[in-house]
C-alpha atoms as a PDB file:
ATOM      1  CA  MET A   1      -0.033  -0.194  -0.062  1.00  0.00           C
ATOM      2  CA  ILE A   2       1.398   3.348  -1.008  1.00  0.00           C
ATOM      3  CA  ASN A   3       0.653   5.861   1.502  1.00  0.00           C
ATOM      4  CA  ARG A   4       0.724  10.019   0.716  1.00  0.00           C
ATOM      5  CA  ARG A   5       3.937  10.419   1.834  1.00  0.00           C
ATOM      6  CA  ASN A   6       5.619   7.797  -0.258  1.00  0.00           C
ATOM      7  CA  PHE A   7       4.054   8.947  -3.049  1.00  0.00           C
ATOM      8  CA  LEU A   8       5.197  12.270  -2.754  1.00  0.00           C
ATOM      9  CA  GLN A   9       8.642  11.401  -2.254  1.00  0.00           C
ATOM     10  CA  ALA A  10       8.693   8.957  -5.183  1.00  0.00           C
ATOM     11  CA  GLY A  11       7.203  11.704  -7.363  1.00  0.00           C
ATOM     12  CA  ALA A  12      10.137  14.133  -6.338  1.00  0.00           C
ATOM     13  CA  LEU A  13      12.869  11.413  -7.169  1.00  0.00           C
ATOM     14  CA  ALA A  14      11.134  10.922 -10.590  1.00  0.00           C
ATOM     15  CA  ALA A  15      11.003  14.689 -11.386  1.00  0.00           C
ATOM     16  CA  ALA A  16      14.765  15.039 -10.110  1.00  0.00           C
ATOM     17  CA  GLY A  17      15.415  12.544 -12.588  1.00  0.00           C
ATOM     18  CA  THR A  18      13.684  13.865 -15.503  1.00  0.00           C
ATOM     19  CA  ALA A  19      15.906  17.554 -14.768  1.00  0.00           C
ATOM     20  CA  LEU A  20      18.798  15.959 -14.492  1.00  0.00           C
ATOM     21  CA  ALA A  21      18.354  13.724 -17.525  1.00  0.00           C
ATOM     22  CA  GLY A  22      18.310  16.925 -20.146  1.00  0.00           C
ATOM     23  CA  CYS A  23      21.673  18.286 -18.454  1.00  0.00           C
ATOM     24  CA  THR A  24      23.993  14.854 -19.450  1.00  0.00           C
ATOM     25  CA  THR A  25      26.475  15.458 -22.199  1.00  0.00           C
ATOM     26  CA  GLY A  26      25.715  12.671 -24.179  1.00  0.00           C
ATOM     27  CA  GLU A  27      27.526   9.740 -22.101  1.00  0.00           C
ATOM     28  CA  THR A  28      26.450   6.492 -21.081  1.00  0.00           C
ATOM     29  CA  SER A  29      25.305   6.664 -17.479  1.00  0.00           C
ATOM     30  CA  THR A  30      22.744   4.642 -15.150  1.00  0.00           C
ATOM     31  CA  PRO A  31      19.792   6.603 -13.594  1.00  0.00           C
ATOM     32  CA  ALA A  32      21.322   6.302 -10.216  1.00  0.00           C
ATOM     33  CA  ALA A  33      24.798   7.786 -11.250  1.00  0.00           C
ATOM     34  CA  GLU A  34      22.700  10.763 -13.157  1.00  0.00           C
ATOM     35  CA  SER A  35      20.572  11.253  -9.710  1.00  0.00           C
ATOM     36  CA  MET A  36      23.745  11.556  -7.440  1.00  0.00           C
ATOM     37  CA  LYS A  37      24.896  14.500  -9.706  1.00  0.00           C
ATOM     38  CA  ASN A  38      24.470  18.135  -9.058  1.00  0.00           C
ATOM     39  CA  ILE A  39      24.869  20.158 -12.264  1.00  0.00           C
ATOM     40  CA  ARG A  40      25.024  23.866 -13.088  1.00  0.00           C
ATOM     41  CA  HIS A  41      25.344  25.460 -16.293  1.00  0.00           C
ATOM     42  CA  ASN A  42      28.041  28.261 -17.185  1.00  0.00           C
ATOM     43  CA  PRO A  43      26.222  31.652 -17.270  1.00  0.00           C
ATOM     44  CA  ILE A  44      25.898  32.582 -21.196  1.00  0.00           C
ATOM     45  CA  GLY A  45      26.157  36.253 -22.297  1.00  0.00           C
ATOM     46  CA  VAL A  46      26.182  37.682 -25.923  1.00  0.00           C
ATOM     47  CA  SER A  47      28.882  40.029 -27.602  1.00  0.00           C
ATOM     48  CA  SER A  48      27.585  42.991 -29.218  1.00  0.00           C
ATOM     49  CA  TYR A  49      29.555  42.192 -31.735  1.00  0.00           C
ATOM     50  CA  SER A  50      27.666  39.117 -32.835  1.00  0.00           C
ATOM     51  CA  PHE A  51      24.808  41.303 -34.397  1.00  0.00           C
ATOM     52  CA  TRP A  52      27.041  43.883 -35.925  1.00  0.00           C
ATOM     53  CA  GLN A  53      30.501  42.575 -36.761  1.00  0.00           C
ATOM     54  CA  PHE A  54      32.126  45.582 -38.318  1.00  0.00           C
ATOM     55  CA  ASN A  55      29.564  45.205 -41.378  1.00  0.00           C
ATOM     56  CA  LYS A  56      27.148  47.655 -40.560  1.00  0.00           C
ATOM     57  CA  PRO A  57      27.692  51.770 -39.683  1.00  0.00           C
ATOM     58  CA  LYS A  58      28.520  52.602 -35.892  1.00  0.00           C
ATOM     59  CA  GLY A  59      25.177  52.059 -33.856  1.00  0.00           C
ATOM     60  CA  GLU A  60      23.080  49.950 -36.041  1.00  0.00           C
ATOM     61  CA  PRO A  61      21.577  48.039 -34.186  1.00  0.00           C
ATOM     62  CA  PRO A  62      21.925  50.450 -30.982  1.00  0.00           C
ATOM     63  CA  LEU A  63      23.351  48.286 -27.661  1.00  0.00           C
ATOM     64  CA  GLU A  64      20.034  49.514 -26.413  1.00  0.00           C
ATOM     65  CA  ASP A  65      18.237  47.097 -28.946  1.00  0.00           C
ATOM     66  CA  ILE A  66      21.083  44.326 -28.601  1.00  0.00           C
ATOM     67  CA  ILE A  67      20.300  44.353 -24.452  1.00  0.00           C
ATOM     68  CA  ASP A  68      16.771  44.156 -25.589  1.00  0.00           C
ATOM     69  CA  HIS A  69      17.492  40.802 -28.231  1.00  0.00           C
ATOM     70  CA  ALA A  70      19.683  39.592 -25.758  1.00  0.00           C
ATOM     71  CA  ALA A  71      17.238  39.339 -23.087  1.00  0.00           C
ATOM     72  CA  ALA A  72      14.319  37.807 -24.977  1.00  0.00           C
ATOM     73  CA  MET A  73      16.709  35.362 -26.362  1.00  0.00           C
ATOM     74  CA  GLY A  74      17.373  34.166 -23.059  1.00  0.00           C
ATOM     75  CA  PHE A  75      21.070  34.959 -22.416  1.00  0.00           C
ATOM     76  CA  ASP A  76      22.158  35.566 -18.930  1.00  0.00           C
ATOM     77  CA  GLY A  77      24.425  38.995 -19.535  1.00  0.00           C
ATOM     78  CA  VAL A  78      25.810  40.884 -22.341  1.00  0.00           C
ATOM     79  CA  GLU A  79      29.572  41.625 -23.680  1.00  0.00           C
ATOM     80  CA  LEU A  80      29.905  45.372 -24.858  1.00  0.00           C
ATOM     81  CA  LEU A  81      31.998  46.216 -27.772  1.00  0.00           C
ATOM     82  CA  LEU A  82      33.284  49.642 -27.161  1.00  0.00           C
ATOM     83  CA  VAL A  83      33.575  50.930 -30.601  1.00  0.00           C
ATOM     84  CA  GLN A  84      29.980  50.050 -31.018  1.00  0.00           C
ATOM     85  CA  MET A  85      29.103  52.903 -28.147  1.00  0.00           C
ATOM     86  CA  ALA A  86      27.227  55.762 -29.368  1.00  0.00           C
ATOM     87  CA  SER A  87      28.882  57.963 -26.779  1.00  0.00           C
ATOM     88  CA  GLU A  88      31.225  57.769 -23.501  1.00  0.00           C
ATOM     89  CA  GLU A  89      28.915  60.640 -21.871  1.00  0.00           C
ATOM     90  CA  ARG A  90      28.038  59.387 -18.246  1.00  0.00           C
ATOM     91  CA  SER A  91      24.580  59.558 -18.907  1.00  0.00           C
ATOM     92  CA  TYR A  92      24.508  57.355 -21.950  1.00  0.00           C
ATOM     93  CA  LEU A  93      26.566  54.550 -19.816  1.00  0.00           C
ATOM     94  CA  ASN A  94      24.201  55.001 -16.964  1.00  0.00           C
ATOM     95  CA  ASN A  95      21.153  54.095 -19.500  1.00  0.00           C
ATOM     96  CA  LEU A  96      22.980  51.068 -20.482  1.00  0.00           C
ATOM     97  CA  LYS A  97      23.582  49.618 -17.055  1.00  0.00           C
ATOM     98  CA  LYS A  98      19.610  50.579 -16.203  1.00  0.00           C
ATOM     99  CA  ARG A  99      18.470  49.027 -19.181  1.00  0.00           C
ATOM    100  CA  ALA A 100      20.554  45.926 -19.082  1.00  0.00           C
ATOM    101  CA  PHE A 101      19.683  45.814 -15.059  1.00  0.00           C
ATOM    102  CA  HIS A 102      15.812  45.944 -15.619  1.00  0.00           C
ATOM    103  CA  SER A 103      16.041  43.438 -18.530  1.00  0.00           C
ATOM    104  CA  GLY A 104      17.572  40.995 -15.862  1.00  0.00           C
ATOM    105  CA  LEU A 105      20.933  40.966 -17.791  1.00  0.00           C
ATOM    106  CA  ASP A 106      24.503  41.308 -16.221  1.00  0.00           C
ATOM    107  CA  LEU A 107      27.151  43.584 -18.237  1.00  0.00           C
ATOM    108  CA  MET A 108      29.706  41.029 -18.036  1.00  0.00           C
ATOM    109  CA  GLY A 109      32.410  41.822 -20.517  1.00  0.00           C
ATOM    110  CA  PHE A 110      33.803  45.059 -22.055  1.00  0.00           C
ATOM    111  CA  SER A 111      35.577  44.723 -25.442  1.00  0.00           C
ATOM    112  CA  THR A 112      38.192  46.908 -26.104  1.00  0.00           C
ATOM    113  CA  HIS A 113      41.138  47.648 -28.223  1.00  0.00           C
ATOM    114  CA  GLN A 114      44.570  49.065 -28.191  1.00  0.00           C
ATOM    115  CA  SER A 115      48.332  48.367 -29.033  1.00  0.00           C
ATOM    116  CA  TYR A 116      51.373  48.764 -26.900  1.00  0.00           C
ATOM    117  CA  ILE A 117      53.733  47.417 -30.069  1.00  0.00           C
ATOM    118  CA  HIS A 118      55.169  50.602 -31.123  1.00  0.00           C
ATOM    119  CA  PRO A 119      59.089  51.752 -31.036  1.00  0.00           C
ATOM    120  CA  GLU A 120      57.917  55.390 -30.427  1.00  0.00           C
ATOM    121  CA  LYS A 121      57.864  55.602 -26.464  1.00  0.00           C
ATOM    122  CA  GLU A 122      55.072  58.613 -27.157  1.00  0.00           C
ATOM    123  CA  LYS A 123      52.516  55.914 -28.933  1.00  0.00           C
ATOM    124  CA  ARG A 124      52.693  53.532 -26.304  1.00  0.00           C
ATOM    125  CA  GLN A 125      52.045  56.020 -23.229  1.00  0.00           C
ATOM    126  CA  GLU A 126      48.946  57.180 -25.845  1.00  0.00           C
ATOM    127  CA  ASN A 127      47.799  53.575 -25.696  1.00  0.00           C
ATOM    128  CA  ILE A 128      48.414  53.505 -21.741  1.00  0.00           C
ATOM    129  CA  ASP A 129      46.189  56.506 -20.930  1.00  0.00           C
ATOM    130  CA  LEU A 130      43.847  54.818 -23.366  1.00  0.00           C
ATOM    131  CA  THR A 131      43.695  51.815 -21.696  1.00  0.00           C
ATOM    132  CA  ILE A 132      43.328  53.685 -18.250  1.00  0.00           C
ATOM    133  CA  HIS A 133      40.049  55.485 -19.695  1.00  0.00           C
ATOM    134  CA  GLN A 134      38.875  52.313 -20.874  1.00  0.00           C
ATOM    135  CA  ILE A 135      39.008  50.886 -17.328  1.00  0.00           C
ATOM    136  CA  GLU A 136      37.292  53.616 -15.875  1.00  0.00           C
ATOM    137  CA  LEU A 137      34.296  53.180 -18.211  1.00  0.00           C
ATOM    138  CA  ALA A 138      34.140  49.797 -17.451  1.00  0.00           C
ATOM    139  CA  TYR A 139      33.955  50.808 -13.759  1.00  0.00           C
ATOM    140  CA  GLN A 140      31.206  53.457 -14.711  1.00  0.00           C
ATOM    141  CA  LEU A 141      29.168  50.756 -16.005  1.00  0.00           C
ATOM    142  CA  GLY A 142      29.484  48.462 -13.783  1.00  0.00           C
ATOM    143  CA  ILE A 143      31.411  45.754 -15.836  1.00  0.00           C
ATOM    144  CA  PRO A 144      33.812  43.224 -13.973  1.00  0.00           C
ATOM    145  CA  THR A 145      36.345  41.997 -16.984  1.00  0.00           C
ATOM    146  CA  MET A 146      37.592  43.806 -19.868  1.00  0.00           C
ATOM    147  CA  ARG A 147      39.350  42.661 -22.829  1.00  0.00           C
ATOM    148  CA  ILE A 148      42.737  43.800 -23.876  1.00  0.00           C
ATOM    149  CA  ASN A 149      44.892  43.132 -26.781  1.00  0.00           C
ATOM    150  CA  THR A 150      48.982  43.218 -26.996  1.00  0.00           C
ATOM    151  CA  GLY A 151      48.362  45.182 -30.290  1.00  0.00           C
ATOM    152  CA  ARG A 152      50.357  44.245 -34.114  1.00  0.00           C
ATOM    153  CA  TRP A 153      53.026  44.913 -35.959  1.00  0.00           C
ATOM    154  CA  GLY A 154      50.919  46.658 -38.762  1.00  0.00           C
ATOM    155  CA  THR A 155      53.133  45.207 -41.179  1.00  0.00           C
ATOM    156  CA  SER A 156      50.623  43.080 -43.646  1.00  0.00           C
ATOM    157  CA  GLY A 157      48.302  46.416 -44.323  1.00  0.00           C
ATOM    158  CA  ASN A 158      44.920  45.805 -43.828  1.00  0.00           C
ATOM    159  CA  PHE A 159      43.132  43.087 -41.803  1.00  0.00           C
ATOM    160  CA  ASP A 160      42.179  41.153 -44.506  1.00  0.00           C
ATOM    161  CA  ILE A 161      45.431  40.594 -45.605  1.00  0.00           C
ATOM    162  CA  LEU A 162      46.274  39.798 -41.798  1.00  0.00           C
ATOM    163  CA  MET A 163      43.645  36.965 -41.763  1.00  0.00           C
ATOM    164  CA  GLU A 164      45.038  35.672 -45.618  1.00  0.00           C
ATOM    165  CA  ASN A 165      48.366  35.232 -43.670  1.00  0.00           C
ATOM    166  CA  ARG A 166      46.893  33.312 -40.729  1.00  0.00           C
ATOM    167  CA  GLY A 167      47.205  36.033 -38.125  1.00  0.00           C
ATOM    168  CA  ILE A 168      51.270  36.036 -39.416  1.00  0.00           C
ATOM    169  CA  GLU A 169      53.119  39.293 -39.719  1.00  0.00           C
ATOM    170  CA  PRO A 170      56.997  40.174 -39.728  1.00  0.00           C
ATOM    171  CA  ALA A 171      57.921  42.376 -36.717  1.00  0.00           C
ATOM    172  CA  LEU A 172      58.915  46.205 -37.871  1.00  0.00           C
ATOM    173  CA  GLU A 173      62.418  46.542 -39.838  1.00  0.00           C
ATOM    174  CA  GLY A 174      65.007  46.597 -37.197  1.00  0.00           C
ATOM    175  CA  TYR A 175      62.918  45.283 -34.354  1.00  0.00           C
ATOM    176  CA  THR A 176      62.196  41.691 -33.213  1.00  0.00           C
ATOM    177  CA  ASP A 177      59.368  40.102 -30.922  1.00  0.00           C
ATOM    178  CA  GLU A 178      61.578  40.244 -28.082  1.00  0.00           C
ATOM    179  CA  ASP A 179      61.248  44.330 -28.534  1.00  0.00           C
ATOM    180  CA  GLY A 180      57.192  43.886 -28.689  1.00  0.00           C
ATOM    181  CA  PHE A 181      57.146  41.713 -25.441  1.00  0.00           C
ATOM    182  CA  LYS A 182      58.853  44.342 -23.809  1.00  0.00           C
ATOM    183  CA  TRP A 183      57.104  47.175 -24.502  1.00  0.00           C
ATOM    184  CA  VAL A 184      53.788  45.193 -23.538  1.00  0.00           C
ATOM    185  CA  ILE A 185      54.899  44.067 -20.471  1.00  0.00           C
ATOM    186  CA  ASP A 186      56.432  47.478 -19.238  1.00  0.00           C
ATOM    187  CA  SER A 187      53.385  49.233 -20.322  1.00  0.00           C
ATOM    188  CA  LEU A 188      51.100  46.672 -18.887  1.00  0.00           C
ATOM    189  CA  GLU A 189      52.791  47.342 -15.280  1.00  0.00           C
ATOM    190  CA  LYS A 190      51.970  50.780 -15.540  1.00  0.00           C
ATOM    191  CA  ILE A 191      48.053  50.240 -16.077  1.00  0.00           C
ATOM    192  CA  MET A 192      47.449  47.588 -13.287  1.00  0.00           C
ATOM    193  CA  PRO A 193      47.501  50.047 -10.263  1.00  0.00           C
ATOM    194  CA  THR A 194      44.035  51.207 -12.248  1.00  0.00           C
ATOM    195  CA  ALA A 195      42.779  47.982 -12.974  1.00  0.00           C
ATOM    196  CA  GLU A 196      43.172  47.019  -9.601  1.00  0.00           C
ATOM    197  CA  LYS A 197      41.322  50.648  -8.018  1.00  0.00           C
ATOM    198  CA  CYS A 198      39.018  50.173 -10.201  1.00  0.00           C
ATOM    199  CA  GLY A 199      38.256  46.325  -9.383  1.00  0.00           C
ATOM    200  CA  VAL A 200      38.372  45.700 -13.260  1.00  0.00           C
ATOM    201  CA  VAL A 201      40.259  42.366 -14.205  1.00  0.00           C
ATOM    202  CA  LEU A 202      41.751  42.577 -17.887  1.00  0.00           C
ATOM    203  CA  GLY A 203      41.680  39.812 -19.710  1.00  0.00           C
ATOM    204  CA  LEU A 204      44.524  39.482 -22.374  1.00  0.00           C
ATOM    205  CA  GLU A 205      43.023  37.867 -25.201  1.00  0.00           C
ATOM    206  CA  ASN A 206      44.712  35.043 -27.586  1.00  0.00           C
ATOM    207  CA  HIS A 207      44.283  37.924 -30.669  1.00  0.00           C
ATOM    208  CA  TRP A 208      46.796  38.461 -33.164  1.00  0.00           C
ATOM    209  CA  GLY A 209      49.969  40.260 -32.929  1.00  0.00           C
ATOM    210  CA  LEU A 210      52.024  38.908 -29.840  1.00  0.00           C
ATOM    211  CA  GLY A 211      48.985  37.163 -28.551  1.00  0.00           C
ATOM    212  CA  ARG A 212      48.477  35.146 -31.625  1.00  0.00           C
ATOM    213  CA  THR A 213      49.695  31.985 -29.444  1.00  0.00           C
ATOM    214  CA  ALA A 214      49.158  30.177 -26.184  1.00  0.00           C
ATOM    215  CA  GLU A 215      52.699  30.905 -25.259  1.00  0.00           C
ATOM    216  CA  GLY A 216      52.850  34.352 -26.263  1.00  0.00           C
ATOM    217  CA  VAL A 217      49.834  34.997 -23.786  1.00  0.00           C
ATOM    218  CA  LYS A 218      51.104  33.413 -21.144  1.00  0.00           C
ATOM    219  CA  ARG A 219      54.395  34.787 -21.178  1.00  0.00           C
ATOM    220  CA  ILE A 220      53.162  38.354 -20.679  1.00  0.00           C
ATOM    221  CA  VAL A 221      50.530  37.144 -17.893  1.00  0.00           C
ATOM    222  CA  ASP A 222      53.229  35.655 -16.094  1.00  0.00           C
ATOM    223  CA  ALA A 223      55.436  38.395 -16.364  1.00  0.00           C
ATOM    224  CA  ILE A 224      52.974  40.781 -14.977  1.00  0.00           C
ATOM    225  CA  ASP A 225      51.842  37.846 -11.742  1.00  0.00           C
ATOM    226  CA  SER A 226      48.933  40.195 -10.940  1.00  0.00           C
ATOM    227  CA  PRO A 227      45.516  38.943  -9.908  1.00  0.00           C
ATOM    228  CA  TRP A 228      44.283  41.470 -11.848  1.00  0.00           C
ATOM    229  CA  LEU A 229      45.486  40.258 -15.159  1.00  0.00           C
ATOM    230  CA  LYS A 230      44.051  37.184 -16.396  1.00  0.00           C
ATOM    231  CA  VAL A 231      43.169  35.795 -19.798  1.00  0.00           C
ATOM    232  CA  THR A 232      40.356  36.139 -22.344  1.00  0.00           C
ATOM    233  CA  LEU A 233      40.217  33.019 -24.061  1.00  0.00           C
ATOM    234  CA  ASP A 234      38.881  33.169 -27.483  1.00  0.00           C
ATOM    235  CA  THR A 235      37.902  29.992 -28.831  1.00  0.00           C
ATOM    236  CA  GLY A 236      38.206  30.943 -32.708  1.00  0.00           C
ATOM    237  CA  ASN A 237      41.671  32.665 -32.446  1.00  0.00           C
ATOM    238  CA  PHE A 238      44.173  29.430 -32.685  1.00  0.00           C
ATOM    239  CA  LEU A 239      43.626  28.645 -36.480  1.00  0.00           C
ATOM    240  CA  GLU A 240      44.956  25.310 -36.334  1.00  0.00           C
ATOM    241  CA  ASP A 241      44.991  22.434 -33.339  1.00  0.00           C
ATOM    242  CA  PRO A 242      43.407  24.976 -31.020  1.00  0.00           C
ATOM    243  CA  TYR A 243      42.566  22.487 -27.951  1.00  0.00           C
ATOM    244  CA  ASP A 244      45.828  21.866 -26.723  1.00  0.00           C
ATOM    245  CA  ARG A 245      46.251  25.652 -26.915  1.00  0.00           C
ATOM    246  CA  LEU A 246      42.846  26.109 -25.272  1.00  0.00           C
ATOM    247  CA  GLU A 247      43.692  24.067 -22.638  1.00  0.00           C
ATOM    248  CA  GLN A 248      46.778  25.687 -21.951  1.00  0.00           C
ATOM    249  CA  LEU A 249      45.205  28.843 -21.076  1.00  0.00           C
ATOM    250  CA  ALA A 250      42.463  27.554 -19.414  1.00  0.00           C
ATOM    251  CA  PRO A 251      43.800  27.726 -15.917  1.00  0.00           C
ATOM    252  CA  ASP A 252      43.822  31.962 -16.366  1.00  0.00           C
ATOM    253  CA  THR A 253      40.736  32.019 -18.159  1.00  0.00           C
ATOM    254  CA  TYR A 254      38.652  35.053 -16.497  1.00  0.00           C
ATOM    255  CA  LEU A 255      36.127  35.200 -19.345  1.00  0.00           C
ATOM    256  CA  MET A 256      35.542  32.710 -22.541  1.00  0.00           C
ATOM    257  CA  GLN A 257      34.546  34.139 -25.578  1.00  0.00           C
ATOM    258  CA  ALA A 258      32.967  31.391 -27.785  1.00  0.00           C
ATOM    259  CA  LYS A 259      32.973  31.781 -31.816  1.00  0.00           C
ATOM    260  CA  THR A 260      30.230  30.129 -33.901  1.00  0.00           C
ATOM    261  CA  TYR A 261      30.274  30.571 -37.931  1.00  0.00           C
ATOM    262  CA  TYR A 262      26.686  30.065 -39.130  1.00  0.00           C
ATOM    263  CA  GLY A 263      26.211  30.593 -42.819  1.00  0.00           C
ATOM    264  CA  GLY A 264      30.367  30.432 -43.029  1.00  0.00           C
ATOM    265  CA  GLY A 265      32.787  32.712 -41.176  1.00  0.00           C
ATOM    266  CA  LYS A 266      33.599  36.247 -42.379  1.00  0.00           C
ATOM    267  CA  TRP A 267      36.997  35.493 -43.074  1.00  0.00           C
ATOM    268  CA  TYR A 268      37.245  31.843 -41.842  1.00  0.00           C
ATOM    269  CA  SER A 269      35.424  29.103 -40.364  1.00  0.00           C
ATOM    270  CA  LEU A 270      36.395  26.625 -37.477  1.00  0.00           C
ATOM    271  CA  ASP A 271      34.624  23.381 -36.796  1.00  0.00           C
ATOM    272  CA  LEU A 272      35.007  23.375 -33.297  1.00  0.00           C
ATOM    273  CA  ASP A 273      34.438  20.681 -31.091  1.00  0.00           C
ATOM    274  CA  TYR A 274      32.447  22.245 -28.065  1.00  0.00           C
ATOM    275  CA  PRO A 275      31.870  18.832 -26.130  1.00  0.00           C
ATOM    276  CA  ARG A 276      35.708  18.903 -26.183  1.00  0.00           C
ATOM    277  CA  ILE A 277      35.934  22.223 -25.063  1.00  0.00           C
ATOM    278  CA  GLY A 278      33.293  22.260 -22.450  1.00  0.00           C
ATOM    279  CA  GLU A 279      35.312  19.231 -21.065  1.00  0.00           C
ATOM    280  CA  ILE A 280      38.654  21.011 -21.218  1.00  0.00           C
ATOM    281  CA  MET A 281      36.915  24.067 -18.903  1.00  0.00           C
ATOM    282  CA  ARG A 282      35.642  21.618 -16.383  1.00  0.00           C
ATOM    283  CA  LYS A 283      39.127  20.197 -16.154  1.00  0.00           C
ATOM    284  CA  ALA A 284      40.397  23.775 -15.201  1.00  0.00           C
ATOM    285  CA  ASN A 285      36.868  24.240 -12.998  1.00  0.00           C
ATOM    286  CA  TYR A 286      36.388  27.130 -14.928  1.00  0.00           C
ATOM    287  CA  LYS A 287      32.559  28.304 -13.727  1.00  0.00           C
ATOM    288  CA  GLY A 288      32.519  32.010 -15.242  1.00  0.00           C
ATOM    289  CA  TYR A 289      30.577  33.459 -17.980  1.00  0.00           C
ATOM    290  CA  ILE A 290      30.857  32.043 -21.658  1.00  0.00           C
ATOM    291  CA  SER A 291      30.685  35.229 -24.201  1.00  0.00           C
ATOM    292  CA  LEU A 292      29.124  34.062 -27.719  1.00  0.00           C
ATOM    293  CA  GLU A 293      30.738  35.829 -30.663  1.00  0.00           C
ATOM    294  CA  MET A 294      28.621  34.773 -33.683  1.00  0.00           C
ATOM    295  CA  GLU A 295      30.878  35.898 -36.494  1.00  0.00           C
ATOM    296  CA  GLY A 296      29.051  33.778 -39.193  1.00  0.00           C
ATOM    297  CA  LYS A 297      27.088  35.106 -42.335  1.00  0.00           C
ATOM    298  CA  ALA A 298      23.694  34.155 -41.243  1.00  0.00           C
ATOM    299  CA  ASP A 299      21.281  36.283 -39.880  1.00  0.00           C
ATOM    300  CA  PRO A 300      21.875  37.090 -36.347  1.00  0.00           C
ATOM    301  CA  MET A 301      18.633  36.936 -35.280  1.00  0.00           C
ATOM    302  CA  GLU A 302      17.872  33.223 -36.050  1.00  0.00           C
ATOM    303  CA  ALA A 303      21.933  32.183 -35.433  1.00  0.00           C
ATOM    304  CA  VAL A 304      22.378  33.770 -32.015  1.00  0.00           C
ATOM    305  CA  PRO A 305      19.964  31.648 -30.413  1.00  0.00           C
ATOM    306  CA  THR A 306      20.592  28.766 -32.350  1.00  0.00           C
ATOM    307  CA  SER A 307      24.478  29.377 -31.027  1.00  0.00           C
ATOM    308  CA  LEU A 308      22.873  29.759 -27.023  1.00  0.00           C
ATOM    309  CA  GLU A 309      21.544  26.274 -27.617  1.00  0.00           C
ATOM    310  CA  LEU A 310      24.947  24.575 -28.511  1.00  0.00           C
ATOM    311  CA  LEU A 311      26.696  26.248 -25.611  1.00  0.00           C
ATOM    312  CA  ARG A 312      24.100  26.154 -23.066  1.00  0.00           C
ATOM    313  CA  GLU A 313      24.346  22.018 -23.844  1.00  0.00           C
ATOM    314  CA  ASN A 314      27.956  22.148 -23.630  1.00  0.00           C
ATOM    315  CA  PHE A 315      29.173  24.494 -20.995  1.00  0.00           C
ATOM    316  CA  TRP A 316      28.051  23.341 -17.406  1.00  0.00           C
ATOM    317  CA  TYR A 317      29.777  21.635 -14.207  1.00  0.00           C
ATOM    318  CA  GLU A 318      29.511  19.655 -10.859  1.00  0.00           C
ATOM    319  CA  VAL A 319      29.156  20.914  -7.484  1.00  0.00           C
END
């Protein structure tokens, strides 16, 4: 005879098993093993770049609309690309912050550009001052982490040519990468006090220039040796054999940018194994944000929510 208490207990166990069944990775496991797992998904944000990709005039679509789209699609946060901003005035920044909060979203990342690879000390100082200003903007927006780059030599001509060369370019005549690493490290040392004061973690991205390789990124991060300089790990910027390189940087990752290429990539497409990448990040005990960068030619209003489903499925961890 099943009494009321036993009936309720059986129903609760069945419901728990059903909920967990949707969080598995596709590996064979027993119902008993599944019921013992407590799984949480990484929060997923979307970069405003996903709706823009440098293909449209600045401000189209407005960041306010992108925030609304992200909320409607079910994201947890938005990463703002600075060059998309219509203004840097305090009132504009405050309105973005207010709109995101009211939409139930975090402003969880700030993507910026700078370059410290200049022989001229004055140009390096300009970029130091620029980065300090960008950190202060992130602080005003309440954003806890900001993407930075090393910059590049600029000997490839335009960006399209750089991509044709797989991101590889020679140093300026008379200089070497060793000079460049010294300039980057010296510049970042001058910036770190502002990052700490504002509480904004800088994430050095595996981007082009001296950050093209995992070794280059680690060399700079290890030299600075500060809790306020970590890694923004981009899944799409290692063009050959990415997985060992992603694993190398995973322990220092503070934000992951996850690329998708629906409709074919703008410069290239990568067939990324996201179940494998998710496992790499779990091994590194990464519980932070995943920020979608949809870089395909498909309509973002369709490709962005499809990408969200992909990332939700593959980025989770056990607690």
